Structures are given as C-alpha cells and as structure tokens.
Protein backbone atom coordinates (compact mmCIF):
# COMPACT_ATOMS: atom_id res chain seq x y z
CA MET A 1 0.00 0.00 0.00
CA ARG A 2 2.85 2.39 0.85
CA ALA A 3 4.43 1.83 -2.60
CA LEU A 4 1.10 2.64 -4.22
CA ARG A 5 0.89 5.94 -2.34
CA LYS A 6 4.35 6.94 -3.58
CA PHE A 7 3.36 6.06 -7.13
CA THR A 8 0.08 8.00 -7.15
CA PRO A 9 1.57 11.49 -7.81
CA LEU A 10 3.79 10.10 -10.55
CA ALA A 11 0.83 8.40 -12.20
CA ALA A 12 -1.14 11.63 -12.09
CA ILE A 13 1.70 13.51 -13.76
CA ALA A 14 2.01 10.82 -16.43
CA VAL A 15 -1.71 11.03 -17.19
CA LEU A 16 -1.50 14.81 -17.48
CA LEU A 17 1.54 14.71 -19.70
CA SER A 18 0.05 12.10 -22.00
CA GLY A 19 -2.97 14.34 -22.54
CA CYS A 20 -0.80 17.33 -23.48
CA ASN A 21 -0.24 16.04 -27.00
CA ALA A 22 -3.85 16.84 -27.87
CA TYR A 23 -3.31 20.55 -27.14
CA GLY A 24 -0.93 23.23 -28.34
CA PRO A 25 2.23 24.41 -26.62
CA LYS A 26 0.35 27.09 -24.65
CA ALA A 27 -1.78 24.43 -22.97
CA GLN A 28 1.27 22.24 -22.34
CA ILE A 29 3.20 25.03 -20.64
CA GLY A 30 0.17 26.15 -18.63
CA GLY A 31 -0.67 22.57 -17.70
CA LEU A 32 2.83 21.79 -16.49
CA GLY A 33 3.02 25.03 -14.51
CA GLY A 34 -0.42 24.47 -13.01
CA ALA A 35 0.42 20.86 -12.14
CA ALA A 36 3.61 21.93 -10.39
CA ALA A 37 1.86 24.72 -8.47
CA GLY A 38 -1.09 22.49 -7.55
CA GLY A 39 1.20 19.74 -6.28
CA LEU A 40 3.32 22.21 -4.31
CA ILE A 41 0.33 23.87 -2.67
CA ALA A 42 -1.26 20.52 -1.79
CA SER A 43 2.01 19.20 -0.34
CA GLN A 44 2.33 22.23 1.92
CA VAL A 45 -1.32 22.27 2.97
CA SER A 46 -1.89 18.55 3.50
CA GLY A 47 1.17 16.51 2.61
CA SER A 48 -0.85 13.39 1.91
CA PRO A 49 -0.14 11.61 -1.40
CA GLU A 50 -3.83 11.73 -2.29
CA ALA A 51 -4.02 15.50 -1.79
CA ILE A 52 -0.82 16.02 -3.78
CA ALA A 53 -2.17 13.92 -6.65
CA ALA A 54 -5.44 15.87 -6.62
CA GLY A 55 -3.51 19.16 -6.56
CA VAL A 56 -1.39 18.05 -9.51
CA ILE A 57 -4.42 17.00 -11.53
CA LEU A 58 -6.57 20.05 -10.78
CA GLY A 59 -3.67 22.46 -11.17
CA GLY A 60 -2.71 20.87 -14.48
CA LEU A 61 -6.21 21.07 -15.86
CA PHE A 62 -6.72 24.68 -14.84
CA GLY A 63 -3.20 25.71 -15.89
CA GLY A 64 -3.73 24.06 -19.28
CA ALA A 65 -6.92 26.02 -19.80
CA VAL A 66 -5.19 29.30 -18.91
CA GLY A 67 -2.14 28.46 -21.02
CA ASN A 68 -4.31 27.60 -24.00
CA SER A 69 -5.85 31.07 -23.77
CA LEU A 70 -2.56 33.03 -23.93
CA ASP A 71 -1.54 34.14 -27.40
CA ASN A 72 1.98 34.97 -28.62
CA ALA A 73 1.61 38.64 -27.68
CA ASP A 74 0.44 37.70 -24.15
CA ARG A 75 3.46 35.45 -23.69
CA GLN A 76 5.78 38.18 -25.01
CA TYR A 77 4.41 40.75 -22.53
CA MET A 78 4.68 38.20 -19.72
CA GLN A 79 8.22 37.13 -20.71
CA GLN A 80 9.54 40.70 -21.00
CA THR A 81 8.05 41.70 -17.66
CA SER A 82 9.36 38.55 -15.99
CA GLN A 83 12.92 39.05 -17.30
CA GLN A 84 12.95 42.73 -16.24
CA SER A 85 11.49 41.99 -12.82
CA LEU A 86 13.83 39.09 -12.07
CA GLU A 87 16.85 41.14 -13.13
CA TYR A 88 16.09 44.53 -11.56
CA ALA A 89 13.18 44.47 -9.08
CA PRO A 90 13.87 44.17 -5.37
CA SER A 91 12.26 41.27 -3.56
CA GLY A 92 8.66 42.05 -2.71
CA GLN A 93 8.10 44.48 -5.61
CA THR A 94 5.31 43.44 -7.99
CA ALA A 95 5.61 44.09 -11.74
CA VAL A 96 2.47 44.13 -13.91
CA TRP A 97 1.99 43.24 -17.57
CA ARG A 98 -1.11 43.71 -19.71
CA ASN A 99 -1.89 42.99 -23.33
CA PRO A 100 -4.22 45.81 -24.44
CA ASP A 101 -5.46 43.77 -27.41
CA SER A 102 -6.53 40.61 -25.56
CA GLY A 103 -7.18 42.15 -22.13
CA ASN A 104 -5.12 39.36 -20.54
CA SER A 105 -2.75 40.45 -17.79
CA GLY A 106 -0.58 39.27 -14.95
CA THR A 107 1.92 40.04 -12.25
CA ILE A 108 5.28 38.75 -11.16
CA LYS A 109 6.86 39.37 -7.77
CA PRO A 110 10.34 38.16 -6.82
CA VAL A 111 10.16 37.03 -3.20
CA SER A 112 13.75 36.02 -2.45
CA THR A 113 17.19 35.90 -4.04
CA TYR A 114 19.99 33.48 -3.27
CA GLN A 115 23.37 32.42 -4.59
CA THR A 116 23.95 28.78 -5.51
CA SER A 117 27.01 26.80 -4.45
CA SER A 118 28.41 27.28 -7.97
CA GLY A 119 28.13 31.07 -7.65
CA GLY A 120 25.02 31.62 -9.80
CA TYR A 121 22.00 33.60 -8.71
CA CYS A 122 18.43 32.33 -8.41
CA ARG A 123 15.19 34.02 -7.42
CA GLU A 124 11.99 32.56 -6.08
CA TYR A 125 8.91 34.35 -7.38
CA GLN A 126 5.12 34.48 -7.30
CA GLN A 127 3.16 34.94 -10.50
CA THR A 128 -0.47 35.57 -11.37
CA VAL A 129 -2.03 35.31 -14.84
CA GLN A 130 -5.54 36.60 -15.55
CA VAL A 131 -7.36 35.36 -18.63
CA GLY A 132 -11.01 36.12 -19.28
CA GLY A 133 -11.67 37.09 -15.67
CA GLN A 134 -10.10 33.86 -14.35
CA SER A 135 -6.92 34.10 -12.26
CA GLN A 136 -4.18 31.47 -11.93
CA ASP A 137 -1.45 31.80 -9.28
CA GLY A 138 1.93 30.19 -9.64
CA TYR A 139 5.17 29.95 -7.73
CA GLY A 140 8.60 29.07 -9.00
CA THR A 141 12.34 29.57 -9.10
CA ALA A 142 14.32 31.13 -11.93
CA CYS A 143 18.11 31.19 -12.21
CA ARG A 144 20.29 33.59 -14.17
CA GLN A 145 21.93 32.00 -17.18
CA PRO A 146 25.45 32.85 -18.44
CA ASP A 147 23.91 35.07 -21.18
CA GLY A 148 22.09 37.13 -18.50
CA SER A 149 18.62 35.74 -19.15
CA TRP A 150 16.55 34.09 -16.44
CA LYS A 151 15.43 30.47 -16.83
CA VAL A 152 12.57 28.93 -14.86
CA MET A 153 13.85 25.85 -13.05
C-alpha cells in the first residue's frame, strides 16, 4: 500500500503529460506550470499523497486552460516583464503586464534571491495570470543563465 501511495503522484503527472499532445504548446506550458503549483500547494497544505495527486491533476487542468488562452503577444508581454522583474526588481516588488489587445494580464513578484554553491543567482517568485476574468497563481524559481537571461527551473 505504501508503494502505491508513492506512485500516485507520478501516475497523475504521467496522465496529465500524455494528454498534453492533444493541445498546443500554450496548454502544455500552462498545464505543467499548473500541475507543479497544484502539487506544491497541496504538499504544503496537506502533505498526503492523495491531496498532492489531486492538486497536480486540478492544477494541471486549470493551468492548461489558462495556457491555452494566452496568445503569442500575451506570452511576449509576460516574458519581457518577468525578465525585467527578475533582473532589476527588489524582492517584494510586484511588476504588472497587460496585453491591451486581448485584455489578458498578470503580475510577477520576486520574493527572495539566493546564490547557488556554484556562484550563480536564483530568485523565487510568485506569479499571477488573468485570462477572461479567471486568475491562476503560480510559484517558482528562476536562475540567471550565463547570457544574463533568467530560466525557470
């Protein structure tokens, strides 16, 4: 029974990933981000394998729906704002992006910065994306790459 509990979150992720082929890259990215955020939130709230699996599934489904709704311009606004915020904003300062054509918007807020053992810099951040009146929250870590860009880990 214990082995089954450890396998449940992995099975949920596999099911979500197998369904991503039916959707475009926006849904895949949103689904993966939502799954990660849902699993993280559930692990911190409950910690039970069942809750984590449910968080992964629900987060993936909702994140996929939000991701499928973002167009190229939305992603460009979000990416530019994220790169600027991660590079220059102090921890706790929220940056806002908005696509005037689609009405979609979002925020990114770096919450902490740290240096890795190899000397690189990483930042934990909170992010919100609003599409069609629906809001999706996400949390993550991005690290500065040798070219100066920030990559979500």
